[in-house]
Each structure stands twice: as structure tokens, then as C-alpha cells.
């Protein structure tokens, strides 16, 4: 999940010439949802956005207060283009969650924001619509946020199989190493032969991870 967070003096969303949402001072959040996002990523991003210290305190000290500290508003806009991957000069959006899944996911993000903060201070655009987003950036201040690699990626069958094979190879090497070392310690030492096999044993053990 990716988010572009802008500190604003005001922001609004217009659809078909009609304003559907507007805020005064606060944050405008453009949110890009990926295929692999889960509830864990929602909670992480909500926490980061609401605790991001981009406002000044009462004494004028910068970078000391969050949107929650100041009781400012938040305007959220779903923006799948944040998940863009360029193929030459052409944008490709295969990493973005499909709209039929993303709408419910985006709504759960808004719900988590409202539950964590004050519901009346959380506004949003119109999911899936062609929107005009009017942002008066204050500063300008723009912060990019990205959630950690989602745990869902590890549950991918191909990735999981790859990790399992790597682990199995490591276990085989560990099991093999002590066995060879044990044989070397117990084997009778002969002049030329033992020196040669000992050298090979040392080289082998150095190559083990």
C-alpha cells in the first residue's frame, strides 16, 4: 500500500462539475492499494497517517504535531495509479488491486480511519469516478508512505515453495557438515591420504552457508 500525504490549507473533490467533498486545514491523502494488501497494511497505514507530525505546535515549533493533535480534517482519495509500473514510457497497473475488490478494501481503510480518529473529520472522494482533486498544498509539504512488504506475499504458493526448497537445502548442508567432520575426526590418519582429504574437508566446510 502506498500513500502520498500532503499538508493542505484546503482541498476538495469535484465530480462532473459538482463538489462532493471538501476540507479546510489538514491532510489530503492519495491512496494506492496493491494486490497483496491485507488488513495488516490498513492498520499500519492508518497509524502512520494519523501520527505523522507535519504541523507546528502552539509555540510555532515545526514538525511536532499530528493531524489528530491539531484536530484537523483528512480528505482521502483512492488513486490506483500510485501502483504504476512503467513499461518503457507506458504505465502498467497490474500491481493495483482490481476495482471490484479495491472498493471494499478502500471502504475498510476509511472505516479504520474513522474508528481511530473522529468520523466527522474524515472525508473522501467518490471511488471509481473521474475526479478533479483541488489541493492547496501548505509549505509545500508532501510525504510518501509505503507499508512494509505484506505478509500475504510469503503465502504465495510459488514463493512459499521456493522458500521451502531453500530451507531444505540449508538443512541438508547442516546435516551433512557435522557427519563429514565426525568421519574426519574418527578416521585413522595416514600421511599423504589424510592430509589430502583433510584439505578437501576444510574447503568444503568453508563453502557451506
N, C-alpha and C. Protein backbone atom coordinates (compact mmCIF):
# COMPACT_ATOMS: atom_id res chain seq x y z
N UNK A 1 0.84 -1.19 0.00
CA UNK A 1 0.00 0.00 0.00
C UNK A 1 0.87 1.24 0.00
N UNK A 2 0.50 2.19 -0.84
CA UNK A 2 1.24 3.44 -0.92
C UNK A 2 0.32 4.61 -0.67
N UNK A 3 0.87 5.67 -0.08
CA UNK A 3 0.09 6.87 0.14
C UNK A 3 0.97 8.09 -0.09
N UNK A 4 0.38 9.10 -0.73
CA UNK A 4 1.02 10.40 -0.84
C UNK A 4 0.21 11.34 0.05
N UNK A 5 0.86 11.84 1.09
CA UNK A 5 0.18 12.67 2.09
C UNK A 5 0.64 14.12 1.93
N UNK A 6 -0.32 15.00 1.72
CA UNK A 6 0.00 16.41 1.54
C UNK A 6 -0.63 17.25 2.65
N UNK A 7 0.19 18.13 3.25
CA UNK A 7 -0.35 19.07 4.23
C UNK A 7 -1.02 20.19 3.45
N UNK A 8 -2.29 20.46 3.77
CA UNK A 8 -3.05 21.43 2.97
C UNK A 8 -3.70 22.51 3.83
N UNK A 9 -3.94 23.65 3.20
CA UNK A 9 -4.78 24.68 3.83
C UNK A 9 -6.24 24.44 3.48
N UNK A 10 -6.44 23.81 2.29
CA UNK A 10 -7.77 23.34 1.90
C UNK A 10 -7.63 22.38 0.73
N UNK A 11 -8.65 21.54 0.57
CA UNK A 11 -8.67 20.58 -0.53
C UNK A 11 -10.11 20.17 -0.79
N UNK A 12 -10.39 19.80 -2.02
CA UNK A 12 -11.76 19.40 -2.37
C UNK A 12 -11.75 18.43 -3.55
N UNK A 13 -12.87 17.73 -3.72
CA UNK A 13 -13.03 16.79 -4.83
C UNK A 13 -14.30 17.17 -5.59
N UNK A 14 -14.18 17.27 -6.91
CA UNK A 14 -15.32 17.60 -7.77
C UNK A 14 -15.54 16.46 -8.77
N UNK A 15 -16.78 16.08 -8.95
CA UNK A 15 -17.14 15.04 -9.92
C UNK A 15 -18.25 15.59 -10.81
N UNK A 16 -17.99 15.62 -12.11
CA UNK A 16 -18.99 16.12 -13.05
C UNK A 16 -19.41 17.56 -12.78
N UNK A 17 -18.46 18.37 -12.33
CA UNK A 17 -18.76 19.77 -12.06
C UNK A 17 -19.38 20.03 -10.70
N UNK A 18 -19.63 18.96 -9.93
CA UNK A 18 -20.26 19.12 -8.60
C UNK A 18 -19.27 18.74 -7.51
N UNK A 19 -19.12 19.61 -6.54
CA UNK A 19 -18.21 19.32 -5.42
C UNK A 19 -18.84 18.26 -4.52
N UNK A 20 -18.10 17.18 -4.30
CA UNK A 20 -18.63 16.08 -3.48
C UNK A 20 -18.02 16.04 -2.09
N UNK A 21 -16.88 16.70 -1.92
CA UNK A 21 -16.22 16.69 -0.62
C UNK A 21 -15.23 17.83 -0.52
N UNK A 22 -15.01 18.36 0.71
CA UNK A 22 -14.06 19.45 0.91
C UNK A 22 -13.62 19.50 2.36
N UNK A 23 -12.38 19.93 2.56
CA UNK A 23 -11.86 20.12 3.92
C UNK A 23 -11.13 21.47 3.99
N UNK A 24 -10.92 21.92 5.22
CA UNK A 24 -10.07 23.08 5.47
C UNK A 24 -8.66 22.59 5.74
N UNK A 25 -8.01 23.14 6.77
CA UNK A 25 -6.63 22.76 7.06
C UNK A 25 -6.55 21.30 7.51
N UNK A 26 -5.55 20.61 7.03
CA UNK A 26 -5.38 19.21 7.41
C UNK A 26 -4.52 18.45 6.43
N UNK A 27 -4.94 17.21 6.09
CA UNK A 27 -4.17 16.35 5.20
C UNK A 27 -5.03 15.88 4.04
N UNK A 28 -4.43 15.87 2.86
CA UNK A 28 -5.05 15.22 1.71
C UNK A 28 -4.24 13.96 1.44
N UNK A 29 -4.91 12.81 1.44
CA UNK A 29 -4.24 11.51 1.30
C UNK A 29 -4.66 10.85 -0.01
N UNK A 30 -3.70 10.63 -0.89
CA UNK A 30 -3.92 9.86 -2.12
C UNK A 30 -3.46 8.44 -1.83
N UNK A 31 -4.35 7.47 -1.95
CA UNK A 31 -4.07 6.10 -1.51
C UNK A 31 -4.06 5.12 -2.68
N UNK A 32 -2.96 4.35 -2.81
CA UNK A 32 -2.84 3.32 -3.83
C UNK A 32 -2.81 1.94 -3.21
N UNK A 33 -3.79 1.11 -3.54
CA UNK A 33 -3.93 -0.22 -2.94
C UNK A 33 -3.35 -1.27 -3.88
N UNK A 34 -2.52 -2.15 -3.34
CA UNK A 34 -1.90 -3.19 -4.17
C UNK A 34 -2.64 -4.52 -4.04
N UNK A 35 -2.35 -5.43 -4.95
CA UNK A 35 -2.96 -6.76 -4.95
C UNK A 35 -2.75 -7.52 -3.66
N UNK A 36 -1.60 -7.30 -3.01
CA UNK A 36 -1.20 -8.12 -1.87
C UNK A 36 -1.57 -7.51 -0.52
N UNK A 37 -2.25 -6.37 -0.52
CA UNK A 37 -2.57 -5.71 0.74
C UNK A 37 -3.61 -6.49 1.54
N UNK A 38 -3.48 -6.37 2.87
CA UNK A 38 -4.40 -7.03 3.78
C UNK A 38 -4.76 -6.05 4.90
N UNK A 39 -5.52 -6.52 5.88
CA UNK A 39 -5.91 -5.68 7.00
C UNK A 39 -4.70 -5.17 7.77
N UNK A 40 -3.65 -5.95 7.77
CA UNK A 40 -2.41 -5.54 8.45
C UNK A 40 -1.85 -4.26 7.84
N UNK A 41 -1.89 -4.17 6.52
CA UNK A 41 -1.39 -2.97 5.84
C UNK A 41 -2.32 -1.77 6.09
N UNK A 42 -3.62 -2.03 6.19
CA UNK A 42 -4.57 -0.96 6.51
C UNK A 42 -4.23 -0.35 7.86
N UNK A 43 -4.06 -1.19 8.85
CA UNK A 43 -3.78 -0.70 10.21
C UNK A 43 -2.46 0.06 10.26
N UNK A 44 -1.46 -0.45 9.54
CA UNK A 44 -0.16 0.23 9.51
C UNK A 44 -0.29 1.62 8.89
N UNK A 45 -0.98 1.72 7.76
CA UNK A 45 -1.09 3.00 7.07
C UNK A 45 -1.93 4.01 7.84
N UNK A 46 -3.00 3.56 8.45
CA UNK A 46 -3.84 4.44 9.27
C UNK A 46 -3.02 5.02 10.42
N UNK A 47 -2.26 4.17 11.06
CA UNK A 47 -1.42 4.61 12.20
C UNK A 47 -0.39 5.65 11.74
N UNK A 48 0.24 5.38 10.60
CA UNK A 48 1.27 6.29 10.08
C UNK A 48 0.68 7.66 9.71
N UNK A 49 -0.45 7.64 9.03
CA UNK A 49 -1.07 8.89 8.57
C UNK A 49 -1.51 9.76 9.75
N UNK A 50 -2.20 9.15 10.69
CA UNK A 50 -2.76 9.92 11.80
C UNK A 50 -1.70 10.41 12.79
N UNK A 51 -0.54 9.75 12.80
CA UNK A 51 0.52 10.16 13.72
C UNK A 51 1.66 10.92 13.06
N UNK A 52 1.52 11.19 11.77
CA UNK A 52 2.56 11.90 11.03
C UNK A 52 2.66 13.35 11.53
N UNK A 53 3.82 13.73 12.02
CA UNK A 53 3.99 15.06 12.63
C UNK A 53 4.45 16.07 11.58
N UNK A 54 3.50 16.72 10.96
CA UNK A 54 3.81 17.70 9.91
C UNK A 54 3.29 19.10 10.26
N UNK A 55 2.72 19.25 11.46
CA UNK A 55 2.18 20.55 11.87
C UNK A 55 3.00 21.14 13.02
N UNK A 56 2.88 22.45 13.16
CA UNK A 56 3.61 23.13 14.23
C UNK A 56 2.78 23.10 15.53
N UNK A 57 3.47 23.29 16.66
CA UNK A 57 2.75 23.38 17.93
C UNK A 57 2.34 24.83 18.19
N UNK A 58 1.80 25.09 19.35
CA UNK A 58 1.29 26.43 19.66
C UNK A 58 2.39 27.48 19.73
N UNK A 59 3.63 27.04 19.98
CA UNK A 59 4.74 27.98 20.05
C UNK A 59 5.39 28.23 18.68
N UNK A 60 4.87 27.52 17.65
CA UNK A 60 5.40 27.69 16.30
C UNK A 60 6.49 26.71 15.94
N UNK A 61 6.76 25.74 16.81
CA UNK A 61 7.79 24.74 16.53
C UNK A 61 7.28 23.77 15.46
N UNK A 62 8.06 23.64 14.38
CA UNK A 62 7.64 22.80 13.25
C UNK A 62 7.84 21.31 13.54
N UNK A 63 7.11 20.48 12.77
CA UNK A 63 7.24 19.02 12.78
C UNK A 63 7.03 18.44 14.19
N UNK A 64 6.05 18.96 14.89
CA UNK A 64 5.86 18.49 16.26
C UNK A 64 4.45 17.99 16.57
N UNK A 65 3.48 18.27 15.67
CA UNK A 65 2.10 17.86 15.94
C UNK A 65 1.50 17.09 14.76
N UNK A 66 0.64 16.13 15.08
CA UNK A 66 -0.05 15.34 14.06
C UNK A 66 -1.41 15.94 13.76
N UNK A 67 -2.08 15.40 12.75
CA UNK A 67 -3.42 15.87 12.41
C UNK A 67 -4.38 15.62 13.57
N UNK A 68 -4.16 14.53 14.32
CA UNK A 68 -5.01 14.25 15.48
C UNK A 68 -4.74 15.24 16.61
N UNK A 69 -3.47 15.58 16.80
CA UNK A 69 -3.13 16.56 17.84
C UNK A 69 -3.82 17.89 17.59
N UNK A 70 -3.89 18.27 16.32
CA UNK A 70 -4.45 19.58 15.95
C UNK A 70 -5.96 19.53 15.69
N UNK A 71 -6.51 18.32 15.65
CA UNK A 71 -7.93 18.13 15.36
C UNK A 71 -8.32 18.72 13.99
N UNK A 72 -7.42 18.50 13.01
CA UNK A 72 -7.67 18.94 11.64
C UNK A 72 -8.39 17.83 10.86
N UNK A 73 -8.77 18.16 9.63
CA UNK A 73 -9.51 17.21 8.80
C UNK A 73 -8.59 16.39 7.90
N UNK A 74 -9.13 15.29 7.37
CA UNK A 74 -8.40 14.42 6.44
C UNK A 74 -9.31 14.13 5.24
N UNK A 75 -8.79 14.41 4.05
CA UNK A 75 -9.51 14.08 2.81
C UNK A 75 -8.78 12.94 2.12
N UNK A 76 -9.46 11.82 1.91
CA UNK A 76 -8.85 10.64 1.28
C UNK A 76 -9.38 10.47 -0.15
N UNK A 77 -8.48 10.13 -1.04
CA UNK A 77 -8.85 9.88 -2.44
C UNK A 77 -8.16 8.60 -2.90
N UNK A 78 -8.95 7.64 -3.37
CA UNK A 78 -8.38 6.39 -3.88
C UNK A 78 -7.69 6.68 -5.22
N UNK A 79 -6.42 6.24 -5.33
CA UNK A 79 -5.67 6.51 -6.56
C UNK A 79 -4.81 5.30 -6.93
N UNK A 80 -5.39 4.44 -7.79
CA UNK A 80 -4.70 3.21 -8.19
C UNK A 80 -3.42 3.48 -8.97
N UNK A 81 -3.30 4.68 -9.56
CA UNK A 81 -2.11 4.97 -10.37
C UNK A 81 -0.83 5.02 -9.55
N UNK A 82 -0.95 5.07 -8.22
CA UNK A 82 0.25 5.03 -7.37
C UNK A 82 0.95 3.67 -7.47
N UNK A 83 0.22 2.67 -7.92
CA UNK A 83 0.79 1.32 -8.08
C UNK A 83 1.33 1.11 -9.50
N UNK A 84 1.59 2.21 -10.20
CA UNK A 84 2.06 2.14 -11.59
C UNK A 84 3.46 1.54 -11.69
N UNK A 85 3.65 0.71 -12.72
CA UNK A 85 4.98 0.24 -13.12
C UNK A 85 5.14 0.62 -14.59
N UNK A 86 6.24 1.28 -14.90
CA UNK A 86 6.43 1.72 -16.28
C UNK A 86 6.99 0.60 -17.15
N UNK A 87 6.40 0.41 -18.32
CA UNK A 87 6.93 -0.48 -19.34
C UNK A 87 7.37 0.41 -20.49
N UNK A 88 8.63 0.82 -20.43
CA UNK A 88 9.11 1.85 -21.33
C UNK A 88 8.53 3.17 -20.88
N UNK A 89 7.68 3.75 -21.68
CA UNK A 89 7.02 5.00 -21.31
C UNK A 89 5.54 4.80 -20.99
N UNK A 90 5.08 3.56 -21.09
CA UNK A 90 3.65 3.28 -20.89
C UNK A 90 3.39 2.79 -19.47
N UNK A 91 2.45 3.44 -18.75
CA UNK A 91 2.11 2.99 -17.39
C UNK A 91 1.40 1.63 -17.43
N UNK A 92 1.77 0.79 -16.48
CA UNK A 92 1.12 -0.53 -16.33
C UNK A 92 0.63 -0.63 -14.89
N UNK A 93 -0.61 -1.10 -14.70
CA UNK A 93 -1.21 -1.08 -13.38
C UNK A 93 -1.57 -2.48 -12.86
N UNK A 94 -0.83 -3.51 -13.32
CA UNK A 94 -1.18 -4.87 -12.92
C UNK A 94 -0.96 -5.14 -11.43
N UNK A 95 -0.17 -4.30 -10.75
CA UNK A 95 0.06 -4.47 -9.32
C UNK A 95 -1.07 -3.89 -8.47
N UNK A 96 -1.92 -3.07 -9.07
CA UNK A 96 -3.04 -2.46 -8.34
C UNK A 96 -4.15 -3.49 -8.13
N UNK A 97 -4.80 -3.40 -6.98
CA UNK A 97 -5.92 -4.29 -6.70
C UNK A 97 -7.08 -3.97 -7.65
N UNK A 98 -7.70 -4.97 -8.29
CA UNK A 98 -8.83 -4.73 -9.19
C UNK A 98 -9.95 -3.96 -8.50
N UNK A 99 -10.64 -3.13 -9.25
CA UNK A 99 -11.65 -2.22 -8.69
C UNK A 99 -12.72 -2.94 -7.88
N UNK A 100 -13.15 -4.12 -8.35
CA UNK A 100 -14.23 -4.84 -7.65
C UNK A 100 -13.81 -5.28 -6.24
N UNK A 101 -12.52 -5.52 -6.03
CA UNK A 101 -12.01 -5.85 -4.70
C UNK A 101 -11.59 -4.59 -3.96
N UNK A 102 -11.01 -3.65 -4.69
CA UNK A 102 -10.42 -2.46 -4.06
C UNK A 102 -11.46 -1.57 -3.39
N UNK A 103 -12.68 -1.51 -3.92
CA UNK A 103 -13.69 -0.63 -3.33
C UNK A 103 -13.99 -1.01 -1.89
N UNK A 104 -14.22 -2.30 -1.65
CA UNK A 104 -14.48 -2.76 -0.29
C UNK A 104 -13.27 -2.56 0.61
N UNK A 105 -12.10 -2.76 0.04
CA UNK A 105 -10.87 -2.60 0.81
C UNK A 105 -10.67 -1.13 1.18
N UNK A 106 -10.92 -0.24 0.22
CA UNK A 106 -10.81 1.20 0.47
C UNK A 106 -11.80 1.65 1.54
N UNK A 107 -13.00 1.12 1.48
CA UNK A 107 -14.01 1.45 2.49
C UNK A 107 -13.60 0.99 3.88
N UNK A 108 -12.93 -0.16 3.95
CA UNK A 108 -12.44 -0.64 5.25
C UNK A 108 -11.32 0.25 5.78
N UNK A 109 -10.53 0.82 4.85
CA UNK A 109 -9.50 1.79 5.23
C UNK A 109 -10.14 3.04 5.84
N UNK A 110 -11.18 3.56 5.17
CA UNK A 110 -11.89 4.73 5.69
C UNK A 110 -12.52 4.43 7.05
N UNK A 111 -13.10 3.24 7.17
CA UNK A 111 -13.73 2.85 8.42
C UNK A 111 -12.72 2.80 9.56
N UNK A 112 -11.52 2.28 9.26
CA UNK A 112 -10.46 2.21 10.27
C UNK A 112 -10.00 3.62 10.67
N UNK A 113 -9.90 4.51 9.69
CA UNK A 113 -9.54 5.91 9.98
C UNK A 113 -10.56 6.55 10.91
N UNK A 114 -11.83 6.37 10.59
CA UNK A 114 -12.90 6.99 11.37
C UNK A 114 -12.98 6.40 12.78
N UNK A 115 -12.71 5.11 12.87
CA UNK A 115 -12.75 4.46 14.18
C UNK A 115 -11.60 4.92 15.06
N UNK A 116 -10.43 5.17 14.43
CA UNK A 116 -9.25 5.58 15.18
C UNK A 116 -9.27 7.07 15.52
N UNK A 117 -9.89 7.87 14.64
CA UNK A 117 -9.92 9.32 14.81
C UNK A 117 -11.36 9.76 15.07
N UNK A 118 -11.75 10.90 14.54
CA UNK A 118 -13.13 11.41 14.66
C UNK A 118 -13.83 11.26 13.31
N UNK A 119 -14.91 10.48 13.26
CA UNK A 119 -15.58 10.18 11.97
C UNK A 119 -15.95 11.42 11.16
N UNK A 120 -16.40 12.47 11.84
CA UNK A 120 -16.85 13.66 11.12
C UNK A 120 -15.70 14.45 10.47
N UNK A 121 -14.45 14.12 10.84
CA UNK A 121 -13.30 14.83 10.28
C UNK A 121 -12.64 14.06 9.13
N UNK A 122 -13.19 12.89 8.80
CA UNK A 122 -12.66 12.08 7.70
C UNK A 122 -13.59 12.21 6.50
N UNK A 123 -13.07 12.75 5.40
CA UNK A 123 -13.86 12.92 4.18
C UNK A 123 -13.20 12.10 3.05
N UNK A 124 -13.96 11.83 2.00
CA UNK A 124 -13.36 11.11 0.87
C UNK A 124 -14.00 11.55 -0.44
N UNK A 125 -13.37 11.12 -1.53
CA UNK A 125 -13.88 11.44 -2.86
C UNK A 125 -14.98 10.47 -3.24
N UNK A 126 -15.03 10.10 -4.52
CA UNK A 126 -16.02 9.14 -4.99
C UNK A 126 -15.28 8.02 -5.70
N UNK A 127 -15.27 6.86 -5.08
CA UNK A 127 -14.47 5.74 -5.59
C UNK A 127 -14.85 5.40 -7.03
N UNK A 128 -13.81 5.26 -7.89
CA UNK A 128 -14.01 4.84 -9.27
C UNK A 128 -14.46 5.93 -10.22
N UNK A 129 -14.77 7.12 -9.67
CA UNK A 129 -15.25 8.20 -10.53
C UNK A 129 -14.08 8.97 -11.14
N UNK A 130 -14.36 9.69 -12.21
CA UNK A 130 -13.37 10.60 -12.79
C UNK A 130 -13.45 11.89 -11.98
N UNK A 131 -12.42 12.14 -11.17
CA UNK A 131 -12.46 13.24 -10.21
C UNK A 131 -11.48 14.35 -10.55
N UNK A 132 -11.83 15.54 -10.16
CA UNK A 132 -10.89 16.66 -10.14
C UNK A 132 -10.58 16.92 -8.67
N UNK A 133 -9.32 16.77 -8.32
CA UNK A 133 -8.91 16.96 -6.92
C UNK A 133 -8.16 18.28 -6.82
N UNK A 134 -8.72 19.18 -6.06
CA UNK A 134 -8.14 20.52 -5.90
C UNK A 134 -7.41 20.56 -4.55
N UNK A 135 -6.09 20.75 -4.62
CA UNK A 135 -5.26 20.71 -3.42
C UNK A 135 -4.47 22.01 -3.31
N UNK A 136 -4.61 22.66 -2.17
CA UNK A 136 -3.76 23.82 -1.88
C UNK A 136 -2.73 23.37 -0.85
N UNK A 137 -1.60 22.95 -1.37
CA UNK A 137 -0.55 22.38 -0.53
C UNK A 137 0.05 23.49 0.34
N UNK A 138 0.23 23.19 1.61
CA UNK A 138 0.73 24.16 2.58
C UNK A 138 2.20 23.90 2.86
N UNK A 139 3.08 24.69 2.25
CA UNK A 139 4.52 24.54 2.50
C UNK A 139 5.40 24.77 1.29
N UNK A 140 5.44 23.91 0.29
CA UNK A 140 4.66 22.66 0.20
C UNK A 140 5.25 21.56 1.08
N UNK A 141 4.37 20.73 1.59
CA UNK A 141 4.78 19.56 2.37
C UNK A 141 4.11 18.34 1.77
N UNK A 142 4.90 17.41 1.25
CA UNK A 142 4.40 16.17 0.65
C UNK A 142 5.24 15.01 1.17
N UNK A 143 4.58 14.04 1.78
CA UNK A 143 5.27 12.87 2.35
C UNK A 143 4.77 11.60 1.67
N UNK A 144 5.70 10.76 1.23
CA UNK A 144 5.33 9.46 0.65
C UNK A 144 5.44 8.38 1.71
N UNK A 145 4.39 7.58 1.82
CA UNK A 145 4.38 6.47 2.78
C UNK A 145 4.16 5.15 2.03
N UNK A 146 4.79 4.11 2.53
CA UNK A 146 4.60 2.78 1.94
C UNK A 146 4.63 1.75 3.05
N UNK A 147 3.65 0.88 3.06
CA UNK A 147 3.60 -0.16 4.09
C UNK A 147 4.70 -1.18 3.85
N UNK A 148 5.13 -1.89 4.92
CA UNK A 148 6.13 -2.95 4.73
C UNK A 148 5.61 -4.01 3.77
N UNK A 149 6.55 -4.79 3.21
CA UNK A 149 6.15 -5.87 2.29
C UNK A 149 5.09 -6.72 2.96
N UNK A 150 3.91 -6.86 2.37
CA UNK A 150 2.82 -7.58 3.00
C UNK A 150 3.14 -9.04 3.25
N UNK A 151 2.65 -9.54 4.39
CA UNK A 151 2.87 -10.95 4.74
C UNK A 151 2.20 -11.86 3.72
N UNK A 152 1.20 -11.35 3.02
CA UNK A 152 0.50 -12.17 2.02
C UNK A 152 1.43 -12.65 0.94
N UNK A 153 2.51 -11.88 0.69
CA UNK A 153 3.45 -12.24 -0.37
C UNK A 153 4.12 -13.57 -0.07
N UNK A 154 4.33 -13.86 1.22
CA UNK A 154 5.00 -15.10 1.61
C UNK A 154 4.07 -16.29 1.45
N UNK A 155 2.76 -16.05 1.48
CA UNK A 155 1.82 -17.15 1.34
C UNK A 155 1.56 -17.51 -0.12
N UNK A 156 2.15 -16.77 -1.03
CA UNK A 156 2.02 -17.10 -2.45
C UNK A 156 2.61 -18.50 -2.68
N UNK A 157 1.89 -19.42 -3.31
CA UNK A 157 2.35 -20.80 -3.47
C UNK A 157 3.74 -20.92 -4.09
N UNK A 158 4.02 -20.17 -5.13
CA UNK A 158 5.33 -20.26 -5.79
C UNK A 158 6.43 -19.76 -4.87
N UNK A 159 6.18 -18.61 -4.20
CA UNK A 159 7.18 -18.05 -3.30
C UNK A 159 7.41 -18.99 -2.13
N UNK A 160 6.31 -19.55 -1.58
CA UNK A 160 6.41 -20.45 -0.44
C UNK A 160 7.21 -21.69 -0.81
N UNK A 161 6.95 -22.26 -2.00
CA UNK A 161 7.67 -23.43 -2.46
C UNK A 161 9.16 -23.14 -2.59
N UNK A 162 9.49 -21.97 -3.11
CA UNK A 162 10.88 -21.56 -3.27
C UNK A 162 11.59 -21.47 -1.92
N UNK A 163 10.90 -20.84 -0.95
CA UNK A 163 11.47 -20.69 0.39
C UNK A 163 11.66 -22.05 1.07
N UNK A 164 10.66 -22.94 0.87
CA UNK A 164 10.76 -24.28 1.46
C UNK A 164 11.95 -25.05 0.90
N UNK A 165 12.17 -24.96 -0.42
CA UNK A 165 13.30 -25.65 -1.05
C UNK A 165 14.63 -25.10 -0.55
N UNK A 166 14.70 -23.77 -0.39
CA UNK A 166 15.93 -23.15 0.12
C UNK A 166 16.21 -23.65 1.53
N UNK A 167 15.14 -23.72 2.36
CA UNK A 167 15.31 -24.18 3.73
C UNK A 167 15.75 -25.64 3.77
N UNK A 168 15.17 -26.46 2.90
CA UNK A 168 15.54 -27.88 2.84
C UNK A 168 17.00 -28.06 2.46
N UNK A 169 17.48 -27.25 1.49
CA UNK A 169 18.89 -27.33 1.09
C UNK A 169 19.82 -26.96 2.26
N UNK A 170 19.44 -25.92 2.99
CA UNK A 170 20.24 -25.49 4.14
C UNK A 170 20.32 -26.60 5.19
N UNK A 171 19.15 -27.23 5.44
CA UNK A 171 19.11 -28.30 6.44
C UNK A 171 19.97 -29.49 6.02
N UNK A 172 19.94 -29.82 4.72
CA UNK A 172 20.76 -30.92 4.21
C UNK A 172 22.25 -30.63 4.38
N UNK A 173 22.63 -29.38 4.11
CA UNK A 173 24.04 -28.98 4.23
C UNK A 173 24.48 -29.05 5.68
N UNK A 174 23.61 -28.57 6.60
CA UNK A 174 23.95 -28.61 8.02
C UNK A 174 24.09 -30.05 8.50
N UNK A 175 23.15 -30.91 8.02
CA UNK A 175 23.20 -32.31 8.43
C UNK A 175 24.43 -33.01 7.88
N UNK A 176 24.83 -32.64 6.67
CA UNK A 176 25.97 -33.27 6.02
C UNK A 176 27.29 -32.83 6.64
N UNK A 177 27.38 -31.55 7.00
CA UNK A 177 28.62 -30.99 7.53
C UNK A 177 29.15 -31.71 8.75
N UNK A 178 28.37 -31.81 9.85
CA UNK A 178 28.85 -32.47 11.05
C UNK A 178 29.20 -33.93 10.82
N UNK A 179 28.43 -34.60 9.90
CA UNK A 179 28.69 -36.00 9.61
C UNK A 179 30.09 -36.18 9.02
N UNK A 180 30.46 -35.32 8.06
CA UNK A 180 31.78 -35.42 7.44
C UNK A 180 32.87 -35.07 8.45
N UNK A 181 32.60 -34.07 9.28
CA UNK A 181 33.59 -33.67 10.28
C UNK A 181 33.83 -34.81 11.26
N UNK A 182 32.72 -35.48 11.62
CA UNK A 182 32.82 -36.60 12.55
C UNK A 182 33.66 -37.72 11.95
N UNK A 183 33.46 -37.99 10.65
CA UNK A 183 34.22 -39.04 9.99
C UNK A 183 35.70 -38.70 9.97
N UNK A 184 35.98 -37.41 9.73
CA UNK A 184 37.38 -36.99 9.68
C UNK A 184 38.05 -37.16 11.05
N UNK A 185 37.29 -36.88 12.13
CA UNK A 185 37.88 -36.99 13.47
C UNK A 185 38.14 -38.44 13.85
N UNK A 186 37.25 -39.35 13.41
CA UNK A 186 37.36 -40.75 13.82
C UNK A 186 38.21 -41.59 12.86
N UNK A 187 38.41 -41.11 11.64
CA UNK A 187 39.17 -41.89 10.66
C UNK A 187 40.64 -41.95 11.04
N UNK A 188 41.33 -43.13 10.83
CA UNK A 188 42.77 -43.24 11.10
C UNK A 188 43.54 -42.29 10.18
N UNK A 189 44.50 -41.59 10.73
CA UNK A 189 45.28 -40.62 9.97
C UNK A 189 46.42 -41.32 9.25
N UNK A 190 46.50 -41.15 7.93
CA UNK A 190 47.61 -41.64 7.12
C UNK A 190 48.31 -40.44 6.54
N UNK A 191 49.57 -40.59 6.23
CA UNK A 191 50.40 -39.43 5.86
C UNK A 191 49.82 -38.64 4.70
N UNK A 192 49.95 -39.12 3.47
CA UNK A 192 49.55 -38.34 2.30
C UNK A 192 48.04 -38.30 2.14
N UNK A 193 47.41 -39.45 2.36
CA UNK A 193 45.99 -39.57 2.11
C UNK A 193 45.20 -38.70 3.07
N UNK A 194 45.53 -38.74 4.37
CA UNK A 194 44.78 -37.97 5.36
C UNK A 194 44.98 -36.48 5.16
N UNK A 195 46.18 -36.07 4.78
CA UNK A 195 46.44 -34.65 4.55
C UNK A 195 45.60 -34.13 3.40
N UNK A 196 45.51 -34.97 2.33
CA UNK A 196 44.73 -34.55 1.16
C UNK A 196 43.26 -34.45 1.48
N UNK A 197 42.71 -35.50 2.16
CA UNK A 197 41.28 -35.49 2.45
C UNK A 197 40.95 -34.41 3.45
N UNK A 198 41.87 -34.12 4.38
CA UNK A 198 41.62 -33.05 5.37
C UNK A 198 41.52 -31.73 4.68
N UNK A 199 42.37 -31.47 3.70
CA UNK A 199 42.33 -30.18 2.99
C UNK A 199 41.01 -30.03 2.25
N UNK A 200 40.58 -31.12 1.61
CA UNK A 200 39.33 -31.05 0.88
C UNK A 200 38.17 -30.81 1.83
N UNK A 201 38.24 -31.46 3.02
CA UNK A 201 37.18 -31.27 4.01
C UNK A 201 37.10 -29.83 4.44
N UNK A 202 38.25 -29.16 4.64
CA UNK A 202 38.25 -27.77 5.07
C UNK A 202 37.63 -26.87 4.01
N UNK A 203 37.99 -27.10 2.74
CA UNK A 203 37.45 -26.29 1.67
C UNK A 203 35.93 -26.46 1.60
N UNK A 204 35.47 -27.71 1.75
CA UNK A 204 34.04 -27.99 1.68
C UNK A 204 33.30 -27.25 2.77
N UNK A 205 33.82 -27.27 4.01
CA UNK A 205 33.13 -26.63 5.12
C UNK A 205 33.10 -25.12 4.95
N UNK A 206 34.14 -24.55 4.31
CA UNK A 206 34.15 -23.10 4.11
C UNK A 206 33.08 -22.66 3.11
N UNK A 207 32.70 -23.55 2.22
CA UNK A 207 31.70 -23.20 1.21
C UNK A 207 30.28 -23.29 1.73
N UNK A 208 30.10 -23.94 2.88
CA UNK A 208 28.75 -24.07 3.44
C UNK A 208 28.27 -22.72 3.93
N UNK A 209 27.01 -22.40 3.73
CA UNK A 209 26.46 -21.12 4.20
C UNK A 209 26.39 -21.07 5.72
